[in-house]
Amino acid sequence: MQLDPEGLGPVINRIKRAQGQLGGVLRMLEEGRDCEQVVTQLAAVSKALDRAGFAIIASGLQQCLTASDDAEMDVKKMEKLFLSLA
């Protein structure tokens, strides 16, 4: 199943933001910053990536349910992907 590129703009932006945050985490580690600050930023990166993944899965589920003749099979695949993020 291909994702609809029109609906992915916000997801792409979120991933780019997470990429920038991850670069910040690396700089913090290299600078020897406080552990609490590093972990807080790392948690923010993780949450951003999780949200991007959930948005991709939600979009995929919507596409599967509206466009597929074999929706049951596609829903099972999407459920498996969703659980991989949990």
N, C-alpha and C. Protein backbone atom coordinates (compact mmCIF):
# COMPACT_ATOMS: atom_id res chain seq x y z
N MET A 1 0.84 -1.17 0.00
CA MET A 1 0.00 0.00 0.00
C MET A 1 0.89 1.24 0.00
N GLN A 2 0.57 2.15 -0.88
CA GLN A 2 1.29 3.42 -0.96
C GLN A 2 0.55 4.47 -0.14
N LEU A 3 1.28 5.31 0.56
CA LEU A 3 0.67 6.39 1.32
C LEU A 3 0.39 7.57 0.40
N ASP A 4 -0.67 8.28 0.70
CA ASP A 4 -1.04 9.47 -0.07
C ASP A 4 -0.07 10.59 0.26
N PRO A 5 0.74 11.05 -0.71
CA PRO A 5 1.75 12.08 -0.43
C PRO A 5 1.14 13.42 0.02
N GLU A 6 -0.09 13.69 -0.39
CA GLU A 6 -0.72 14.96 -0.02
C GLU A 6 -0.95 15.08 1.48
N GLY A 7 -1.23 13.95 2.13
CA GLY A 7 -1.49 13.98 3.56
C GLY A 7 -0.26 13.85 4.44
N LEU A 8 0.89 13.73 3.83
CA LEU A 8 2.11 13.48 4.61
C LEU A 8 2.89 14.74 4.97
N GLY A 9 2.47 15.90 4.52
CA GLY A 9 3.19 17.14 4.82
C GLY A 9 3.47 17.34 6.30
N PRO A 10 2.42 17.27 7.14
CA PRO A 10 2.66 17.44 8.58
C PRO A 10 3.57 16.36 9.17
N VAL A 11 3.46 15.15 8.66
CA VAL A 11 4.31 14.05 9.15
C VAL A 11 5.77 14.31 8.79
N ILE A 12 5.99 14.73 7.56
CA ILE A 12 7.36 15.03 7.13
C ILE A 12 7.95 16.16 7.96
N ASN A 13 7.15 17.19 8.23
CA ASN A 13 7.62 18.29 9.07
C ASN A 13 7.97 17.82 10.47
N ARG A 14 7.14 16.94 11.02
CA ARG A 14 7.39 16.43 12.37
C ARG A 14 8.70 15.63 12.40
N ILE A 15 8.94 14.83 11.37
CA ILE A 15 10.16 14.02 11.32
C ILE A 15 11.39 14.92 11.14
N LYS A 16 11.26 15.94 10.32
CA LYS A 16 12.38 16.88 10.17
C LYS A 16 12.69 17.59 11.48
N ARG A 17 11.64 17.95 12.22
CA ARG A 17 11.83 18.59 13.52
C ARG A 17 12.53 17.63 14.48
N ALA A 18 12.11 16.36 14.46
CA ALA A 18 12.74 15.36 15.32
C ALA A 18 14.19 15.15 14.93
N GLN A 19 14.47 15.22 13.64
CA GLN A 19 15.85 15.09 13.17
C GLN A 19 16.71 16.21 13.74
N GLY A 20 16.19 17.42 13.74
CA GLY A 20 16.90 18.55 14.33
C GLY A 20 17.10 18.39 15.82
N GLN A 21 16.05 17.89 16.50
CA GLN A 21 16.16 17.65 17.93
C GLN A 21 17.22 16.58 18.23
N LEU A 22 17.27 15.56 17.41
CA LEU A 22 18.26 14.50 17.62
C LEU A 22 19.67 15.04 17.44
N GLY A 23 19.85 15.92 16.46
CA GLY A 23 21.15 16.58 16.30
C GLY A 23 21.51 17.37 17.55
N GLY A 24 20.50 18.01 18.14
CA GLY A 24 20.72 18.74 19.39
C GLY A 24 21.13 17.82 20.52
N VAL A 25 20.53 16.64 20.56
CA VAL A 25 20.89 15.67 21.60
C VAL A 25 22.35 15.24 21.43
N LEU A 26 22.75 14.99 20.20
CA LEU A 26 24.15 14.62 19.96
C LEU A 26 25.11 15.72 20.41
N ARG A 27 24.77 16.97 20.09
CA ARG A 27 25.62 18.10 20.52
C ARG A 27 25.68 18.17 22.04
N MET A 28 24.53 17.96 22.68
CA MET A 28 24.50 18.00 24.14
C MET A 28 25.42 16.94 24.74
N LEU A 29 25.38 15.74 24.15
CA LEU A 29 26.24 14.66 24.64
C LEU A 29 27.71 15.01 24.44
N GLU A 30 28.03 15.54 23.26
CA GLU A 30 29.42 15.90 22.97
C GLU A 30 29.92 17.02 23.87
N GLU A 31 29.01 17.89 24.30
CA GLU A 31 29.39 19.01 25.17
C GLU A 31 29.39 18.62 26.64
N GLY A 32 28.96 17.38 26.93
CA GLY A 32 28.95 16.93 28.32
C GLY A 32 27.84 17.56 29.14
N ARG A 33 26.71 17.84 28.52
CA ARG A 33 25.60 18.49 29.22
C ARG A 33 25.00 17.57 30.27
N ASP A 34 24.21 18.16 31.12
CA ASP A 34 23.56 17.47 32.22
C ASP A 34 22.70 16.32 31.72
N CYS A 35 22.76 15.20 32.40
CA CYS A 35 22.02 13.99 32.03
C CYS A 35 20.52 14.25 31.93
N GLU A 36 19.97 14.98 32.86
CA GLU A 36 18.53 15.24 32.86
C GLU A 36 18.11 16.00 31.60
N GLN A 37 18.91 16.98 31.21
CA GLN A 37 18.60 17.75 30.01
C GLN A 37 18.66 16.87 28.75
N VAL A 38 19.66 16.02 28.70
CA VAL A 38 19.82 15.13 27.54
C VAL A 38 18.64 14.17 27.45
N VAL A 39 18.28 13.57 28.56
CA VAL A 39 17.19 12.60 28.56
C VAL A 39 15.86 13.28 28.22
N THR A 40 15.67 14.50 28.71
CA THR A 40 14.44 15.25 28.39
C THR A 40 14.34 15.48 26.88
N GLN A 41 15.43 15.90 26.26
CA GLN A 41 15.42 16.13 24.82
C GLN A 41 15.27 14.82 24.04
N LEU A 42 15.89 13.77 24.53
CA LEU A 42 15.76 12.47 23.87
C LEU A 42 14.31 11.98 23.94
N ALA A 43 13.66 12.20 25.06
CA ALA A 43 12.25 11.83 25.19
C ALA A 43 11.38 12.63 24.22
N ALA A 44 11.72 13.90 24.00
CA ALA A 44 10.97 14.72 23.05
C ALA A 44 11.13 14.18 21.63
N VAL A 45 12.34 13.75 21.29
CA VAL A 45 12.59 13.16 19.97
C VAL A 45 11.77 11.88 19.81
N SER A 46 11.80 11.05 20.81
CA SER A 46 11.07 9.79 20.76
C SER A 46 9.57 10.02 20.60
N LYS A 47 9.03 10.97 21.34
CA LYS A 47 7.61 11.28 21.26
C LYS A 47 7.24 11.82 19.87
N ALA A 48 8.07 12.66 19.32
CA ALA A 48 7.82 13.21 17.98
C ALA A 48 7.80 12.10 16.93
N LEU A 49 8.74 11.16 17.03
CA LEU A 49 8.78 10.05 16.08
C LEU A 49 7.58 9.13 16.26
N ASP A 50 7.19 8.88 17.50
CA ASP A 50 6.00 8.06 17.75
C ASP A 50 4.77 8.70 17.13
N ARG A 51 4.61 10.00 17.32
CA ARG A 51 3.45 10.69 16.76
C ARG A 51 3.46 10.64 15.24
N ALA A 52 4.62 10.77 14.65
CA ALA A 52 4.72 10.67 13.20
C ALA A 52 4.32 9.27 12.74
N GLY A 53 4.78 8.27 13.45
CA GLY A 53 4.41 6.89 13.11
C GLY A 53 2.93 6.65 13.24
N PHE A 54 2.33 7.16 14.31
CA PHE A 54 0.89 7.00 14.51
C PHE A 54 0.11 7.71 13.41
N ALA A 55 0.58 8.88 12.99
CA ALA A 55 -0.10 9.62 11.92
C ALA A 55 -0.01 8.85 10.60
N ILE A 56 1.13 8.24 10.34
CA ILE A 56 1.28 7.44 9.12
C ILE A 56 0.34 6.25 9.15
N ILE A 57 0.27 5.58 10.29
CA ILE A 57 -0.61 4.42 10.42
C ILE A 57 -2.07 4.83 10.30
N ALA A 58 -2.45 5.94 10.92
CA ALA A 58 -3.84 6.41 10.82
C ALA A 58 -4.20 6.71 9.37
N SER A 59 -3.30 7.34 8.66
CA SER A 59 -3.53 7.65 7.25
C SER A 59 -3.65 6.36 6.44
N GLY A 60 -2.79 5.42 6.73
CA GLY A 60 -2.84 4.13 6.04
C GLY A 60 -4.13 3.38 6.31
N LEU A 61 -4.57 3.39 7.56
CA LEU A 61 -5.83 2.73 7.90
C LEU A 61 -7.00 3.36 7.16
N GLN A 62 -7.01 4.67 7.13
CA GLN A 62 -8.08 5.37 6.44
C GLN A 62 -8.10 4.98 4.96
N GLN A 63 -6.94 4.97 4.34
CA GLN A 63 -6.84 4.57 2.93
C GLN A 63 -7.29 3.13 2.73
N CYS A 64 -6.87 2.24 3.63
CA CYS A 64 -7.24 0.84 3.51
C CYS A 64 -8.75 0.65 3.59
N LEU A 65 -9.36 1.34 4.53
CA LEU A 65 -10.79 1.15 4.76
C LEU A 65 -11.64 1.77 3.66
N THR A 66 -11.15 2.77 3.00
CA THR A 66 -11.95 3.43 1.97
C THR A 66 -11.65 2.93 0.56
N ALA A 67 -10.49 2.34 0.34
CA ALA A 67 -10.10 2.02 -1.04
C ALA A 67 -9.91 0.54 -1.33
N SER A 68 -9.89 -0.29 -0.33
CA SER A 68 -9.51 -1.68 -0.55
C SER A 68 -10.72 -2.61 -0.55
N ASP A 69 -10.68 -3.60 -1.43
CA ASP A 69 -11.69 -4.65 -1.42
C ASP A 69 -11.42 -5.66 -0.31
N ASP A 70 -10.15 -5.80 0.03
CA ASP A 70 -9.74 -6.75 1.07
C ASP A 70 -9.28 -5.97 2.30
N ALA A 71 -10.19 -5.18 2.87
CA ALA A 71 -9.85 -4.31 3.98
C ALA A 71 -9.38 -5.09 5.20
N GLU A 72 -9.94 -6.26 5.42
CA GLU A 72 -9.57 -7.04 6.61
C GLU A 72 -8.08 -7.35 6.63
N MET A 73 -7.51 -7.73 5.50
CA MET A 73 -6.09 -8.05 5.43
C MET A 73 -5.25 -6.80 5.67
N ASP A 74 -5.62 -5.69 5.07
CA ASP A 74 -4.86 -4.47 5.24
C ASP A 74 -4.96 -3.95 6.67
N VAL A 75 -6.12 -4.08 7.29
CA VAL A 75 -6.28 -3.64 8.68
C VAL A 75 -5.37 -4.47 9.58
N LYS A 76 -5.28 -5.75 9.34
CA LYS A 76 -4.39 -6.59 10.15
C LYS A 76 -2.93 -6.14 10.01
N LYS A 77 -2.52 -5.80 8.79
CA LYS A 77 -1.16 -5.31 8.58
C LYS A 77 -0.95 -4.00 9.33
N MET A 78 -1.93 -3.10 9.25
CA MET A 78 -1.81 -1.82 9.92
C MET A 78 -1.80 -1.99 11.44
N GLU A 79 -2.59 -2.94 11.94
CA GLU A 79 -2.59 -3.21 13.38
C GLU A 79 -1.20 -3.68 13.82
N LYS A 80 -0.60 -4.53 13.04
CA LYS A 80 0.74 -5.02 13.36
C LYS A 80 1.74 -3.86 13.39
N LEU A 81 1.64 -2.95 12.42
CA LEU A 81 2.52 -1.78 12.40
C LEU A 81 2.27 -0.89 13.62
N PHE A 82 1.00 -0.70 13.95
CA PHE A 82 0.65 0.12 15.12
C PHE A 82 1.27 -0.48 16.38
N LEU A 83 1.14 -1.78 16.54
CA LEU A 83 1.69 -2.42 17.73
C LEU A 83 3.20 -2.37 17.78
N SER A 84 3.83 -2.27 16.62
CA SER A 84 5.30 -2.17 16.62
C SER A 84 5.76 -0.85 17.22
N LEU A 85 4.89 0.17 17.25
CA LEU A 85 5.24 1.44 17.86
C LEU A 85 4.92 1.50 19.34
N ALA A 86 4.12 0.57 19.81
CA ALA A 86 3.68 0.58 21.21
C ALA A 86 4.78 0.14 22.14
